């Protein structure tokens, strides 16, 4: 029984001490995203955001084209 009580203390200590090391980054992100630099909000985060946006647009357009292709194939009459 004593082992369970010690384990409970150990677990609660590890969770309680880790939260002290984290800083509040919200004000930094507010300054970054509210800056007037004529960029859309989805690419204000930097190079990684631009790459993720372009990758998402690429797979969206490719998926739409692929879907339209198979829709066209499905509409064609079958050969006997």
C-alpha atoms as a PDB file:
ATOM      1  CA  UNK A   1       0.000   0.000   0.000  1.00  0.00           C
ATOM      2  CA  UNK A   2       2.878   2.311   0.782  1.00  0.00           C
ATOM      3  CA  UNK A   3       4.209   1.877  -2.766  1.00  0.00           C
ATOM      4  CA  UNK A   4       0.939   3.118  -4.232  1.00  0.00           C
ATOM      5  CA  UNK A   5       0.975   6.235  -2.051  1.00  0.00           C
ATOM      6  CA  UNK A   6       4.566   6.990  -3.041  1.00  0.00           C
ATOM      7  CA  UNK A   7       3.709   6.495  -6.693  1.00  0.00           C
ATOM      8  CA  UNK A   8       0.819   8.939  -6.398  1.00  0.00           C
ATOM      9  CA  UNK A   9       3.119  11.588  -4.886  1.00  0.00           C
ATOM     10  CA  UNK A  10       5.745  11.012  -7.559  1.00  0.00           C
ATOM     11  CA  UNK A  11       3.235  11.362 -10.400  1.00  0.00           C
ATOM     12  CA  UNK A  12       1.655  14.517  -8.976  1.00  0.00           C
ATOM     13  CA  UNK A  13       5.087  16.098  -8.438  1.00  0.00           C
ATOM     14  CA  UNK A  14       6.183  15.444 -12.014  1.00  0.00           C
ATOM     15  CA  UNK A  15       3.050  17.071 -13.408  1.00  0.00           C
ATOM     16  CA  UNK A  16       3.186  20.021 -11.046  1.00  0.00           C
ATOM     17  CA  UNK A  17       6.840  20.904 -11.663  1.00  0.00           C
ATOM     18  CA  UNK A  18       6.688  20.773 -15.460  1.00  0.00           C
ATOM     19  CA  UNK A  19       4.058  23.484 -15.703  1.00  0.00           C
ATOM     20  CA  UNK A  20       6.384  26.033 -14.101  1.00  0.00           C
ATOM     21  CA  UNK A  21       8.898  25.785 -16.939  1.00  0.00           C
ATOM     22  CA  UNK A  22       6.444  26.661 -19.673  1.00  0.00           C
ATOM     23  CA  UNK A  23       6.183  30.306 -20.625  1.00  0.00           C
ATOM     24  CA  UNK A  24       3.188  32.143 -21.995  1.00  0.00           C
ATOM     25  CA  UNK A  25       3.784  32.653 -25.723  1.00  0.00           C
ATOM     26  CA  UNK A  26       0.365  34.089 -26.527  1.00  0.00           C
ATOM     27  CA  UNK A  27       1.474  37.770 -26.518  1.00  0.00           C
ATOM     28  CA  UNK A  28       4.290  36.942 -28.960  1.00  0.00           C
ATOM     29  CA  UNK A  29       1.891  35.182 -31.316  1.00  0.00           C
ATOM     30  CA  UNK A  30      -0.610  38.032 -31.041  1.00  0.00           C
ATOM     31  CA  UNK A  31       2.047  40.516 -32.164  1.00  0.00           C
ATOM     32  CA  UNK A  32       3.071  38.220 -35.010  1.00  0.00           C
ATOM     33  CA  UNK A  33      -0.415  37.563 -36.352  1.00  0.00           C
ATOM     34  CA  UNK A  34      -1.778  41.093 -35.821  1.00  0.00           C
ATOM     35  CA  UNK A  35       1.126  42.799 -37.606  1.00  0.00           C
ATOM     36  CA  UNK A  36       0.057  44.740 -40.686  1.00  0.00           C
ATOM     37  CA  UNK A  37       2.370  43.256 -43.326  1.00  0.00           C
ATOM     38  CA  UNK A  38      -0.199  42.565 -46.088  1.00  0.00           C
ATOM     39  CA  UNK A  39       0.029  38.783 -45.673  1.00  0.00           C
ATOM     40  CA  UNK A  40      -2.943  36.486 -45.157  1.00  0.00           C
ATOM     41  CA  UNK A  41      -3.134  35.036 -41.676  1.00  0.00           C
ATOM     42  CA  UNK A  42      -2.559  31.467 -42.880  1.00  0.00           C
ATOM     43  CA  UNK A  43       0.987  32.289 -44.088  1.00  0.00           C
ATOM     44  CA  UNK A  44       2.108  34.754 -41.414  1.00  0.00           C
ATOM     45  CA  UNK A  45       3.817  31.987 -39.452  1.00  0.00           C
ATOM     46  CA  UNK A  46       6.789  31.807 -41.812  1.00  0.00           C
ATOM     47  CA  UNK A  47       8.256  29.335 -44.264  1.00  0.00           C
ATOM     48  CA  UNK A  48       6.658  26.251 -42.725  1.00  0.00           C
ATOM     49  CA  UNK A  49       3.191  27.780 -43.010  1.00  0.00           C
ATOM     50  CA  UNK A  50       3.808  28.700 -46.657  1.00  0.00           C
ATOM     51  CA  UNK A  51       4.981  25.161 -47.435  1.00  0.00           C
ATOM     52  CA  UNK A  52       2.009  23.592 -45.662  1.00  0.00           C
ATOM     53  CA  UNK A  53      -0.381  25.932 -47.497  1.00  0.00           C
ATOM     54  CA  UNK A  54       1.116  25.127 -50.903  1.00  0.00           C
ATOM     55  CA  UNK A  55       1.152  21.391 -50.152  1.00  0.00           C
ATOM     56  CA  UNK A  56      -2.494  21.522 -49.078  1.00  0.00           C
ATOM     57  CA  UNK A  57      -3.497  23.442 -52.203  1.00  0.00           C
ATOM     58  CA  UNK A  58      -1.549  21.010 -54.402  1.00  0.00           C
ATOM     59  CA  UNK A  59      -3.187  17.897 -52.998  1.00  0.00           C
ATOM     60  CA  UNK A  60      -6.609  19.599 -53.084  1.00  0.00           C
ATOM     61  CA  UNK A  61      -6.287  20.495 -56.762  1.00  0.00           C
ATOM     62  CA  UNK A  62      -4.782  17.103 -57.647  1.00  0.00           C
ATOM     63  CA  UNK A  63      -7.531  15.278 -55.741  1.00  0.00           C
ATOM     64  CA  UNK A  64     -10.233  17.327 -57.447  1.00  0.00           C
ATOM     65  CA  UNK A  65      -8.726  16.609 -60.859  1.00  0.00           C
ATOM     66  CA  UNK A  66      -8.441  12.914 -60.062  1.00  0.00           C
ATOM     67  CA  UNK A  67     -12.074  12.822 -58.934  1.00  0.00           C
ATOM     68  CA  UNK A  68     -13.247  14.570 -62.097  1.00  0.00           C
ATOM     69  CA  UNK A  69     -11.218  12.164 -64.237  1.00  0.00           C
ATOM     70  CA  UNK A  70     -12.841   9.112 -62.658  1.00  0.00           C
ATOM     71  CA  UNK A  71     -16.257  10.740 -62.898  1.00  0.00           C
ATOM     72  CA  UNK A  72     -15.655  11.196 -66.640  1.00  0.00           C
ATOM     73  CA  UNK A  73     -14.508   7.559 -66.944  1.00  0.00           C
ATOM     74  CA  UNK A  74     -17.614   6.373 -65.086  1.00  0.00           C
ATOM     75  CA  UNK A  75     -19.887   8.364 -67.422  1.00  0.00           C
ATOM     76  CA  UNK A  76     -18.530   6.768 -70.582  1.00  0.00           C
ATOM     77  CA  UNK A  77     -20.460   3.816 -72.034  1.00  0.00           C
ATOM     78  CA  UNK A  78     -18.880   0.392 -71.701  1.00  0.00           C
ATOM     79  CA  UNK A  79     -17.501  -1.430 -74.730  1.00  0.00           C
ATOM     80  CA  UNK A  80     -19.194  -4.774 -75.483  1.00  0.00           C
END
